Amino acid sequence: MEVEGFDDDFLCSVSDYFVSHEFEAKAFLVK
């Protein structure tokens, strides 16, 4: 995936961040 102005490492880290926080948010709501 190539986006002008962004590199793959940046996009991957952002994706991982949102995925991990989405999981935390769901776990929090379940409690």
Foldseek 3Di string as FASTA:
>chain_A
DDDPPDDPVVVVVVVVVVVVVVVVVVVVVVD
